[in-house]
């Protein structure tokens, strides 16, 4: 599939009118491949490389700052009691990290859809940060439950069948965990992109990702291999491949929700912002 029919570079500035909401998205996706997603993502990255790399790097550095401060003021003695200030900074840092993640996802959606995207998008996650925190907690609880059930099952199989039982249990747990992760993988994008609740975002993600297990995991595997290939550059290539993977995740989300995907090749020599 080509995304070219999904995007009009001459569309009016407020191109979000009649934007599908909630279950209206179901069934709007067209067929596409991992190659389609990565090809279009590379075009988008090349068209705004400085902005994308700068925004992604700033997000990483800013989200790392509270942790660095907390580690500096923490006592070096492992037997010393925890520093309350370090714990407080760690909690603040966790919330700040989610806030930045909301902003980064806003930036990625705007960039991938051809809407106006700028560095300041990184600091526009405030309105949804509470829902994002609740979503992260719910996702964490679900992940913890899957892990606990899987561990108990593996332990039971070990007592019954020894090493063979452990192998079967681990493989089964990996399959179940992957299936659950895949079905709920788009909840954060939905929270950022749509005015919906936390539970609705999980339900809608599950509906959107139904039947896309292999497609999504092949996509993730491909992105992982691209990032791993940077070993030949002593991983300095991650400065390029990580932003590419992040844009690709946004393009994937837009594709499964039937939304337009930006086509930088359709622009003339003027800036992209002129057309959005």
Protein backbone atom coordinates (compact mmCIF):
# COMPACT_ATOMS: atom_id res chain seq x y z
CA UNK A 1 0.00 0.00 0.00
CA UNK A 2 1.08 3.58 -0.64
CA UNK A 3 0.05 6.29 1.78
CA UNK A 4 0.00 8.89 -0.98
CA UNK A 5 -3.78 8.92 -1.31
CA UNK A 6 -4.20 9.53 2.42
CA UNK A 7 -2.58 12.95 2.58
CA UNK A 8 -3.28 16.23 0.87
CA UNK A 9 -0.45 18.78 1.31
CA UNK A 10 -2.83 21.55 0.23
CA UNK A 11 -5.45 20.80 2.87
CA UNK A 12 -6.68 23.74 4.96
CA UNK A 13 -4.89 24.54 8.24
CA UNK A 14 -7.51 22.94 10.49
CA UNK A 15 -7.51 19.53 8.88
CA UNK A 16 -8.83 17.79 11.95
CA UNK A 17 -12.49 18.45 11.21
CA UNK A 18 -14.59 15.29 11.04
CA UNK A 19 -11.80 13.48 12.89
CA UNK A 20 -13.06 9.99 13.79
CA UNK A 21 -13.50 9.46 17.51
CA UNK A 22 -13.73 6.27 19.54
CA UNK A 23 -15.29 3.27 17.82
CA UNK A 24 -15.74 5.34 14.63
CA UNK A 25 -12.10 4.42 13.90
CA UNK A 26 -12.81 0.71 13.67
CA UNK A 27 -12.59 -0.53 10.10
CA UNK A 28 -11.04 2.65 8.67
CA UNK A 29 -7.53 1.19 8.30
CA UNK A 30 -6.17 0.25 4.89
CA UNK A 31 -3.77 -2.58 4.14
CA UNK A 32 -0.12 -1.67 4.71
CA UNK A 33 3.18 -3.39 5.36
CA UNK A 34 6.13 -2.76 7.65
CA UNK A 35 8.00 -1.60 4.56
CA UNK A 36 5.32 1.00 3.84
CA UNK A 37 5.54 2.33 7.38
CA UNK A 38 9.33 2.51 7.50
CA UNK A 39 9.62 4.02 4.02
CA UNK A 40 7.19 6.82 4.81
CA UNK A 41 8.75 7.33 8.26
CA UNK A 42 12.19 7.76 6.68
CA UNK A 43 10.79 10.39 4.31
CA UNK A 44 9.26 12.26 7.25
CA UNK A 45 12.49 12.03 9.28
CA UNK A 46 14.60 13.33 6.40
CA UNK A 47 12.27 16.28 5.88
CA UNK A 48 12.54 17.45 9.52
CA UNK A 49 15.69 15.70 10.75
CA UNK A 50 17.08 18.51 12.89
CA UNK A 51 13.77 19.15 14.64
CA UNK A 52 13.06 15.45 15.22
CA UNK A 53 16.50 14.55 16.54
CA UNK A 54 16.62 17.65 18.74
CA UNK A 55 13.17 17.02 20.23
CA UNK A 56 13.84 13.32 20.91
CA UNK A 57 17.23 14.06 22.46
CA UNK A 58 15.80 16.85 24.63
CA UNK A 59 13.04 14.51 25.82
CA UNK A 60 15.59 11.87 26.82
CA UNK A 61 17.90 14.32 28.61
CA UNK A 62 15.12 16.11 30.47
CA UNK A 63 13.45 12.88 31.60
CA UNK A 64 16.84 11.58 32.83
CA UNK A 65 17.63 14.71 34.86
CA UNK A 66 15.56 13.90 38.02
CA UNK A 67 17.12 10.44 38.20
CA UNK A 68 20.61 11.90 37.95
CA UNK A 69 19.88 14.41 40.71
CA UNK A 70 18.36 11.69 42.89
CA UNK A 71 21.41 9.46 42.48
CA UNK A 72 23.76 12.33 43.35
CA UNK A 73 22.07 13.16 46.65
CA UNK A 74 21.45 9.51 47.63
CA UNK A 75 23.87 8.12 50.25
CA UNK A 76 26.68 5.95 48.88
CA UNK A 77 26.47 3.64 51.89
CA UNK A 78 24.08 0.75 50.99
CA UNK A 79 23.27 0.30 54.70
CA UNK A 80 22.27 3.93 55.16
CA UNK A 81 18.53 4.73 55.29
CA UNK A 82 16.98 6.06 52.07
CA UNK A 83 17.17 9.79 51.53
CA UNK A 84 13.58 11.17 51.67
CA UNK A 85 14.52 14.00 49.32
CA UNK A 86 15.93 11.54 46.80
CA UNK A 87 12.70 9.51 46.97
CA UNK A 88 10.61 12.66 46.47
CA UNK A 89 12.71 13.72 43.49
CA UNK A 90 12.34 10.21 42.07
CA UNK A 91 8.54 10.38 42.31
CA UNK A 92 8.48 13.87 40.79
CA UNK A 93 10.78 12.59 38.07
CA UNK A 94 8.40 9.73 37.26
CA UNK A 95 5.48 12.13 36.84
CA UNK A 96 7.64 14.55 34.85
CA UNK A 97 8.73 11.69 32.60
CA UNK A 98 5.12 10.79 31.81
CA UNK A 99 4.38 14.48 31.16
CA UNK A 100 7.25 14.61 28.66
CA UNK A 101 6.10 11.36 27.08
CA UNK A 102 2.65 12.87 26.50
CA UNK A 103 4.30 15.85 24.84
CA UNK A 104 6.61 13.68 22.75
CA UNK A 105 3.71 11.56 21.51
CA UNK A 106 1.83 14.76 20.67
CA UNK A 107 4.83 15.90 18.64
CA UNK A 108 5.11 12.53 16.86
CA UNK A 109 1.41 12.43 15.94
CA UNK A 110 1.51 15.99 14.62
CA UNK A 111 4.68 15.26 12.65
CA UNK A 112 3.50 11.94 11.20
CA UNK A 113 0.07 13.30 10.21
CA UNK A 114 1.40 16.44 8.53
CA UNK A 115 -0.07 18.80 11.10
CA UNK A 116 2.08 21.60 12.48
CA UNK A 117 4.78 20.11 14.68
CA UNK A 118 7.30 22.03 16.77
CA UNK A 119 9.68 21.61 19.69
CA UNK A 120 7.18 23.18 22.10
CA UNK A 121 4.86 20.20 21.57
CA UNK A 122 7.12 18.50 24.09
CA UNK A 123 5.61 20.65 26.83
CA UNK A 124 1.94 20.32 25.88
CA UNK A 125 1.16 17.09 27.70
CA UNK A 126 -0.39 18.75 30.75
CA UNK A 127 -4.09 18.24 29.89
CA UNK A 128 -3.76 14.46 29.69
CA UNK A 129 -0.99 13.75 32.20
CA UNK A 130 -3.41 12.49 34.89
CA UNK A 131 -5.05 10.05 32.48
CA UNK A 132 -1.61 9.00 31.26
CA UNK A 133 -0.48 8.25 34.82
CA UNK A 134 -3.63 6.22 35.47
CA UNK A 135 -3.13 4.38 32.19
CA UNK A 136 0.49 3.58 33.05
CA UNK A 137 -0.55 2.28 36.47
CA UNK A 138 -3.28 0.11 34.94
CA UNK A 139 -0.88 -1.21 32.31
CA UNK A 140 1.67 -1.93 35.05
CA UNK A 141 -0.89 -3.75 37.18
CA UNK A 142 -1.95 -5.86 34.20
CA UNK A 143 1.68 -6.63 33.42
CA UNK A 144 2.34 -7.57 37.05
CA UNK A 145 -0.68 -9.87 37.10
CA UNK A 146 0.45 -11.62 33.91
CA UNK A 147 3.93 -12.05 35.37
CA UNK A 148 2.63 -13.40 38.68
CA UNK A 149 0.25 -15.86 37.01
CA UNK A 150 2.97 -16.92 34.60
CA UNK A 151 5.50 -17.46 37.39
CA UNK A 152 3.02 -19.53 39.40
CA UNK A 153 2.15 -21.61 36.33
CA UNK A 154 5.81 -22.23 35.51
CA UNK A 155 6.50 -23.26 39.12
CA UNK A 156 3.57 -25.68 39.02
CA UNK A 157 4.70 -27.18 35.71
CA UNK A 158 8.21 -27.60 37.10
CA UNK A 159 6.91 -29.70 39.97
CA UNK A 160 4.91 -31.83 37.55
CA UNK A 161 7.20 -32.17 34.53
CA UNK A 162 10.57 -30.76 35.55
CA UNK A 163 12.64 -28.92 32.93
CA UNK A 164 10.25 -29.75 30.09
CA UNK A 165 7.41 -28.19 32.08
CA UNK A 166 9.45 -25.03 32.61
CA UNK A 167 10.14 -24.78 28.87
CA UNK A 168 6.47 -25.20 28.01
CA UNK A 169 5.46 -22.73 30.72
CA UNK A 170 7.96 -20.06 29.63
CA UNK A 171 6.95 -20.34 25.97
CA UNK A 172 3.27 -20.20 26.89
CA UNK A 173 3.80 -17.22 29.17
CA UNK A 174 5.74 -15.37 26.44
CA UNK A 175 2.91 -15.96 23.95
CA UNK A 176 0.21 -14.76 26.35
CA UNK A 177 2.24 -11.73 27.46
CA UNK A 178 2.98 -10.78 23.84
CA UNK A 179 -0.68 -11.11 22.89
CA UNK A 180 -1.82 -8.89 25.78
CA UNK A 181 0.91 -6.31 25.10
CA UNK A 182 -0.01 -6.21 21.41
CA UNK A 183 -3.74 -5.73 22.04
CA UNK A 184 -3.18 -2.82 24.46
CA UNK A 185 -0.12 -1.32 22.75
CA UNK A 186 -1.94 1.68 21.24
CA UNK A 187 -3.65 2.92 24.41
CA UNK A 188 -1.15 5.74 25.02
CA UNK A 189 -1.45 7.10 21.48
CA UNK A 190 -5.23 7.01 21.85
CA UNK A 191 -5.07 8.95 25.13
CA UNK A 192 -2.90 11.59 23.49
CA UNK A 193 -4.77 11.79 20.20
CA UNK A 194 -8.38 11.43 21.38
CA UNK A 195 -10.49 12.88 24.15
CA UNK A 196 -11.34 9.52 25.68
CA UNK A 197 -11.02 7.89 29.09
CA UNK A 198 -8.39 5.44 30.25
CA UNK A 199 -10.59 2.32 30.13
CA UNK A 200 -11.95 3.34 26.74
CA UNK A 201 -8.41 3.74 25.42
CA UNK A 202 -7.58 0.15 26.41
CA UNK A 203 -10.83 -1.20 24.94
CA UNK A 204 -10.35 0.71 21.71
CA UNK A 205 -6.71 -0.36 21.43
CA UNK A 206 -7.80 -3.97 21.83
CA UNK A 207 -10.35 -3.59 19.01
CA UNK A 208 -7.93 -1.79 16.70
CA UNK A 209 -5.19 -4.38 17.21
CA UNK A 210 -7.43 -7.42 16.81
CA UNK A 211 -5.89 -9.64 14.15
CA UNK A 212 -2.68 -7.59 13.99
CA UNK A 213 -0.49 -9.71 16.29
CA UNK A 214 1.97 -10.83 13.63
CA UNK A 215 1.90 -7.55 11.74
CA UNK A 216 2.71 -5.53 14.86
CA UNK A 217 5.36 -7.87 16.23
CA UNK A 218 7.10 -8.15 12.85
CA UNK A 219 7.09 -4.35 12.81
CA UNK A 220 8.64 -4.23 16.32
CA UNK A 221 11.19 -6.90 15.41
CA UNK A 222 12.21 -4.99 12.29
CA UNK A 223 12.65 -1.76 14.25
CA UNK A 224 14.65 -3.66 16.87
CA UNK A 225 16.96 -5.12 14.23
CA UNK A 226 17.47 -1.70 12.66
CA UNK A 227 18.50 -0.30 16.04
CA UNK A 228 20.70 -3.33 16.74
CA UNK A 229 22.47 -2.87 13.41
CA UNK A 230 23.95 0.37 14.77
CA UNK A 231 26.47 -1.81 16.60
CA UNK A 232 28.70 -1.32 13.54
CA UNK A 233 28.78 2.41 14.38
CA UNK A 234 29.39 1.72 18.10
CA UNK A 235 25.70 2.53 18.56
CA UNK A 236 26.12 6.19 17.54
CA UNK A 237 23.61 5.41 14.80
CA UNK A 238 20.94 5.17 17.50
CA UNK A 239 20.73 8.97 17.28
CA UNK A 240 19.13 8.35 13.88
CA UNK A 241 17.43 4.97 14.22
CA UNK A 242 15.60 5.66 17.50
CA UNK A 243 13.84 8.77 16.10
CA UNK A 244 13.03 6.72 12.97
CA UNK A 245 11.47 3.98 15.11
CA UNK A 246 9.47 6.52 17.09
CA UNK A 247 8.09 8.15 13.96
CA UNK A 248 7.30 4.70 12.59
CA UNK A 249 5.26 3.88 15.70
CA UNK A 250 3.20 7.04 15.14
CA UNK A 251 2.75 6.23 11.43
CA UNK A 252 1.62 2.71 12.39
CA UNK A 253 -0.94 4.19 14.79
CA UNK A 254 -2.27 6.61 12.17
CA UNK A 255 -2.50 3.81 9.61
CA UNK A 256 -4.55 1.47 11.81
CA UNK A 257 -6.91 4.31 12.76
CA UNK A 258 -7.41 5.34 9.14
CA UNK A 259 -5.94 8.81 9.58
CA UNK A 260 -3.93 10.70 6.94
CA UNK A 261 -0.17 10.17 6.94
CA UNK A 262 2.12 13.01 5.89
CA UNK A 263 3.80 12.75 2.51
CA UNK A 264 6.90 15.01 2.49
CA UNK A 265 7.54 14.08 -1.14
CA UNK A 266 4.37 16.01 -2.04
CA UNK A 267 5.77 19.27 -0.68
CA UNK A 268 7.62 21.78 -2.77
CA UNK A 269 10.78 23.51 -1.58
CA UNK A 270 8.89 25.62 0.95
CA UNK A 271 8.55 24.61 4.58
CA UNK A 272 6.09 21.90 5.59
CA UNK A 273 4.26 24.26 7.95
CA UNK A 274 2.99 26.25 4.97
CA UNK A 275 0.69 23.40 4.00
CA UNK A 276 -0.75 22.34 7.38
